[in-house]
């Protein structure tokens, strides 16, 4: 179990992107513990509100609860350092958005449209259905504009991650051959490549932290 915990904590920022739309479709809740005007962190010109933070925290809490069921108690939450990891993932997201903007990386309307029409939640008989799309959004108190803004951000972040990982993938040919067993070599090669990608992303984000002003008001989440 501890091994699994470490694995999930290690890839926390990836998990955030995996579940970001899940809570949109299955109910975000209302967990504003400090008021709309409270700011948990400032990342450049971006502000992370207490409302956004607690909403994301509750989403991740439910995610881990689903994984570990009744084993996910207060002690495990502390070991996972959930509160700090949620904030860290949100800060990393803002840093990548700033980097994308400065590098001129954007998402076209066509890319956004293609992603939405391929979303299984909006399909009927294997094809995109606009009525289902609008109905699903209404059920979750979302306008198409709000959903599309969230989706655009998610896709842009995914594009940034892929660009960073591409630079790491260039090192794949330099990975050592650790075994003559082809299947085992492939599995170990994939594990090492994942580790290289993770380190590349972490290094990139740490570089952004050194360049972009970040202010954290941790007393609001303690």
Protein backbone atom coordinates (compact mmCIF):
# COMPACT_ATOMS: atom_id res chain seq x y z
CA UNK A 1 0.00 0.00 0.00
CA UNK A 2 2.82 2.40 0.88
CA UNK A 3 4.41 1.70 -2.49
CA UNK A 4 1.16 2.65 -4.20
CA UNK A 5 0.92 5.79 -2.09
CA UNK A 6 4.39 6.87 -3.09
CA UNK A 7 3.55 6.22 -6.73
CA UNK A 8 0.44 8.39 -6.60
CA UNK A 9 2.22 11.15 -4.70
CA UNK A 10 5.10 11.01 -7.20
CA UNK A 11 2.80 11.62 -10.13
CA UNK A 12 0.46 13.98 -8.30
CA UNK A 13 0.55 16.69 -10.93
CA UNK A 14 -0.41 14.12 -13.57
CA UNK A 15 -3.34 12.93 -11.48
CA UNK A 16 -4.57 16.49 -11.23
CA UNK A 17 -4.93 16.72 -14.99
CA UNK A 18 -6.57 13.30 -15.15
CA UNK A 19 -9.36 14.27 -12.75
CA UNK A 20 -9.77 17.97 -13.56
CA UNK A 21 -12.82 17.31 -15.75
CA UNK A 22 -14.18 14.47 -13.62
CA UNK A 23 -15.34 16.79 -10.87
CA UNK A 24 -16.91 19.11 -13.46
CA UNK A 25 -19.22 16.36 -14.69
CA UNK A 26 -19.98 14.67 -11.38
CA UNK A 27 -20.48 17.76 -9.20
CA UNK A 28 -17.90 20.19 -7.89
CA UNK A 29 -19.57 20.93 -4.55
CA UNK A 30 -19.48 24.23 -2.71
CA UNK A 31 -16.55 24.35 -0.35
CA UNK A 32 -15.58 27.99 -0.08
CA UNK A 33 -14.13 28.05 3.44
CA UNK A 34 -12.72 31.57 3.41
CA UNK A 35 -14.77 33.62 0.95
CA UNK A 36 -14.47 34.48 -2.72
CA UNK A 37 -12.00 37.34 -2.13
CA UNK A 38 -9.43 35.24 -0.23
CA UNK A 39 -6.26 34.50 -2.18
CA UNK A 40 -4.26 31.36 -1.37
CA UNK A 41 -1.39 32.09 -3.77
CA UNK A 42 -0.24 34.49 -6.47
CA UNK A 43 1.77 33.17 -9.41
CA UNK A 44 2.84 36.04 -11.58
CA UNK A 45 -0.43 37.69 -12.60
CA UNK A 46 -2.45 34.57 -11.78
CA UNK A 47 -4.31 34.31 -8.49
CA UNK A 48 -5.41 31.07 -6.83
CA UNK A 49 -8.52 31.75 -4.78
CA UNK A 50 -9.50 29.86 -1.66
CA UNK A 51 -12.64 28.71 -3.46
CA UNK A 52 -10.63 27.21 -6.32
CA UNK A 53 -8.19 25.63 -3.90
CA UNK A 54 -10.76 23.93 -1.67
CA UNK A 55 -12.73 22.76 -4.67
CA UNK A 56 -9.62 21.12 -6.10
CA UNK A 57 -8.68 19.72 -2.71
CA UNK A 58 -12.10 18.11 -2.27
CA UNK A 59 -11.83 16.63 -5.75
CA UNK A 60 -8.45 15.07 -5.01
CA UNK A 61 -9.67 13.90 -1.61
CA UNK A 62 -12.49 12.01 -3.31
CA UNK A 63 -10.01 10.64 -5.86
CA UNK A 64 -7.82 9.09 -3.17
CA UNK A 65 -10.86 7.97 -1.22
CA UNK A 66 -11.97 6.06 -4.30
CA UNK A 67 -8.56 4.39 -4.53
CA UNK A 68 -8.08 3.43 -0.88
CA UNK A 69 -11.70 3.28 0.33
CA UNK A 70 -11.89 3.15 4.14
CA UNK A 71 -8.10 2.95 4.42
CA UNK A 72 -7.88 6.59 3.40
CA UNK A 73 -8.03 8.21 6.82
CA UNK A 74 -6.61 11.38 8.35
CA UNK A 75 -3.23 9.74 8.98
CA UNK A 76 -2.86 8.67 5.35
CA UNK A 77 -3.93 12.12 4.18
CA UNK A 78 -1.10 13.62 6.23
CA UNK A 79 1.42 11.11 4.88
CA UNK A 80 0.38 12.02 1.35
CA UNK A 81 0.74 15.69 2.30
CA UNK A 82 -2.46 16.24 0.37
CA UNK A 83 -3.05 19.91 1.17
CA UNK A 84 0.43 21.00 0.12
CA UNK A 85 0.42 18.74 -2.95
CA UNK A 86 -2.86 20.22 -4.15
CA UNK A 87 -1.46 23.73 -3.88
CA UNK A 88 1.78 22.67 -5.55
CA UNK A 89 -0.11 21.16 -8.48
CA UNK A 90 -2.14 24.36 -8.90
CA UNK A 91 0.99 26.52 -8.78
CA UNK A 92 2.67 24.27 -11.35
CA UNK A 93 -0.36 24.62 -13.59
CA UNK A 94 -0.18 28.41 -13.47
CA UNK A 95 3.57 28.38 -14.15
CA UNK A 96 3.08 26.24 -17.25
CA UNK A 97 0.32 28.53 -18.49
CA UNK A 98 2.62 31.53 -18.09
CA UNK A 99 5.42 29.70 -19.92
CA UNK A 100 3.05 28.77 -22.74
CA UNK A 101 1.92 32.37 -23.14
CA UNK A 102 5.47 33.72 -23.15
CA UNK A 103 6.54 31.11 -25.71
CA UNK A 104 3.60 31.91 -27.96
CA UNK A 105 2.11 28.43 -27.55
CA UNK A 106 -1.64 28.44 -27.96
CA UNK A 107 -4.57 26.21 -28.74
CA UNK A 108 -6.58 26.78 -31.89
CA UNK A 109 -10.37 26.80 -31.97
CA UNK A 110 -10.21 23.78 -34.25
CA UNK A 111 -8.12 21.81 -31.72
CA UNK A 112 -10.64 22.66 -29.02
CA UNK A 113 -13.58 21.69 -31.21
CA UNK A 114 -11.99 18.37 -32.18
CA UNK A 115 -11.37 17.50 -28.54
CA UNK A 116 -14.95 18.25 -27.54
CA UNK A 117 -16.57 16.30 -30.37
CA UNK A 118 -14.40 13.28 -29.52
CA UNK A 119 -15.44 13.35 -25.85
CA UNK A 120 -17.41 10.10 -25.15
CA UNK A 121 -19.61 11.88 -22.59
CA UNK A 122 -21.11 13.96 -25.42
CA UNK A 123 -21.71 11.13 -27.87
CA UNK A 124 -24.78 9.19 -28.94
CA UNK A 125 -24.30 6.09 -31.08
CA UNK A 126 -20.64 6.93 -31.47
CA UNK A 127 -21.18 10.48 -32.72
CA UNK A 128 -21.11 13.89 -31.06
CA UNK A 129 -24.58 15.07 -30.07
CA UNK A 130 -24.97 18.79 -29.40
CA UNK A 131 -28.15 18.27 -27.38
CA UNK A 132 -26.37 15.86 -25.04
CA UNK A 133 -23.46 18.29 -24.80
CA UNK A 134 -25.67 21.20 -23.75
CA UNK A 135 -27.82 19.04 -21.47
CA UNK A 136 -24.77 17.63 -19.68
CA UNK A 137 -23.43 21.11 -19.08
CA UNK A 138 -26.79 22.41 -17.81
CA UNK A 139 -27.05 19.53 -15.33
CA UNK A 140 -23.73 20.64 -13.87
CA UNK A 141 -24.58 24.34 -13.91
CA UNK A 142 -22.01 25.08 -16.59
CA UNK A 143 -22.25 27.28 -19.64
CA UNK A 144 -20.55 26.20 -22.88
CA UNK A 145 -18.24 29.21 -22.51
CA UNK A 146 -17.11 28.18 -19.02
CA UNK A 147 -16.60 24.55 -19.97
CA UNK A 148 -14.71 25.44 -23.13
CA UNK A 149 -12.42 27.79 -21.19
CA UNK A 150 -11.60 24.98 -18.75
CA UNK A 151 -11.11 22.51 -21.59
CA UNK A 152 -8.89 24.95 -23.50
CA UNK A 153 -6.69 25.36 -20.42
CA UNK A 154 -6.49 21.61 -19.90
CA UNK A 155 -5.48 20.99 -23.52
CA UNK A 156 -2.91 23.77 -23.43
CA UNK A 157 -1.36 22.28 -20.29
CA UNK A 158 -1.32 18.87 -21.93
CA UNK A 159 0.46 20.40 -24.93
CA UNK A 160 3.09 21.92 -22.63
CA UNK A 161 3.68 18.59 -20.93
CA UNK A 162 4.08 16.84 -24.27
CA UNK A 163 6.59 19.45 -25.47
CA UNK A 164 8.67 19.01 -22.32
CA UNK A 165 8.49 15.24 -22.61
CA UNK A 166 9.58 15.35 -26.24
CA UNK A 167 12.84 16.94 -25.17
CA UNK A 168 13.27 14.13 -22.64
CA UNK A 169 12.43 11.46 -25.22
CA UNK A 170 15.50 12.47 -27.22
CA UNK A 171 17.53 10.82 -24.48
CA UNK A 172 15.82 7.45 -25.00
CA UNK A 173 18.59 6.17 -27.27
CA UNK A 174 21.08 6.79 -24.47
CA UNK A 175 19.31 4.50 -22.01
CA UNK A 176 21.52 1.56 -21.01
CA UNK A 177 20.68 -2.00 -22.08
CA UNK A 178 20.31 -3.62 -18.68
CA UNK A 179 19.18 -7.11 -19.73
CA UNK A 180 19.20 -9.47 -22.69
CA UNK A 181 15.54 -10.36 -22.11
CA UNK A 182 13.66 -8.26 -24.69
CA UNK A 183 10.41 -7.99 -22.73
CA UNK A 184 12.17 -7.10 -19.50
CA UNK A 185 14.39 -4.61 -21.32
CA UNK A 186 11.31 -2.94 -22.79
CA UNK A 187 9.59 -2.68 -19.40
CA UNK A 188 12.70 -1.28 -17.73
CA UNK A 189 13.28 1.09 -20.62
CA UNK A 190 9.75 2.44 -20.29
CA UNK A 191 10.21 2.89 -16.53
CA UNK A 192 13.47 4.78 -17.03
CA UNK A 193 11.91 6.96 -19.74
CA UNK A 194 9.00 7.83 -17.45
CA UNK A 195 11.51 8.80 -14.79
CA UNK A 196 13.42 10.99 -17.26
CA UNK A 197 10.17 12.67 -18.35
CA UNK A 198 9.14 13.33 -14.78
CA UNK A 199 12.52 14.82 -13.91
CA UNK A 200 12.47 16.97 -17.05
CA UNK A 201 9.06 18.38 -16.14
CA UNK A 202 10.09 18.97 -12.55
CA UNK A 203 13.30 20.68 -13.64
CA UNK A 204 11.39 22.89 -16.08
CA UNK A 205 8.88 23.94 -13.42
CA UNK A 206 11.66 24.60 -10.89
CA UNK A 207 13.29 26.85 -13.45
CA UNK A 208 10.05 28.79 -13.82
CA UNK A 209 9.81 29.13 -10.05
CA UNK A 210 13.18 30.86 -10.05
CA UNK A 211 12.01 33.37 -12.67
CA UNK A 212 8.37 34.03 -11.77
CA UNK A 213 7.28 35.68 -8.56
CA UNK A 214 5.22 33.42 -6.31
CA UNK A 215 3.50 34.44 -3.09
CA UNK A 216 1.76 31.86 -0.89
CA UNK A 217 -0.64 32.59 1.95
CA UNK A 218 -0.41 29.21 3.63
CA UNK A 219 -2.34 30.20 6.74
CA UNK A 220 -5.53 29.98 4.66
CA UNK A 221 -5.08 26.24 4.10
CA UNK A 222 -3.50 25.17 7.38
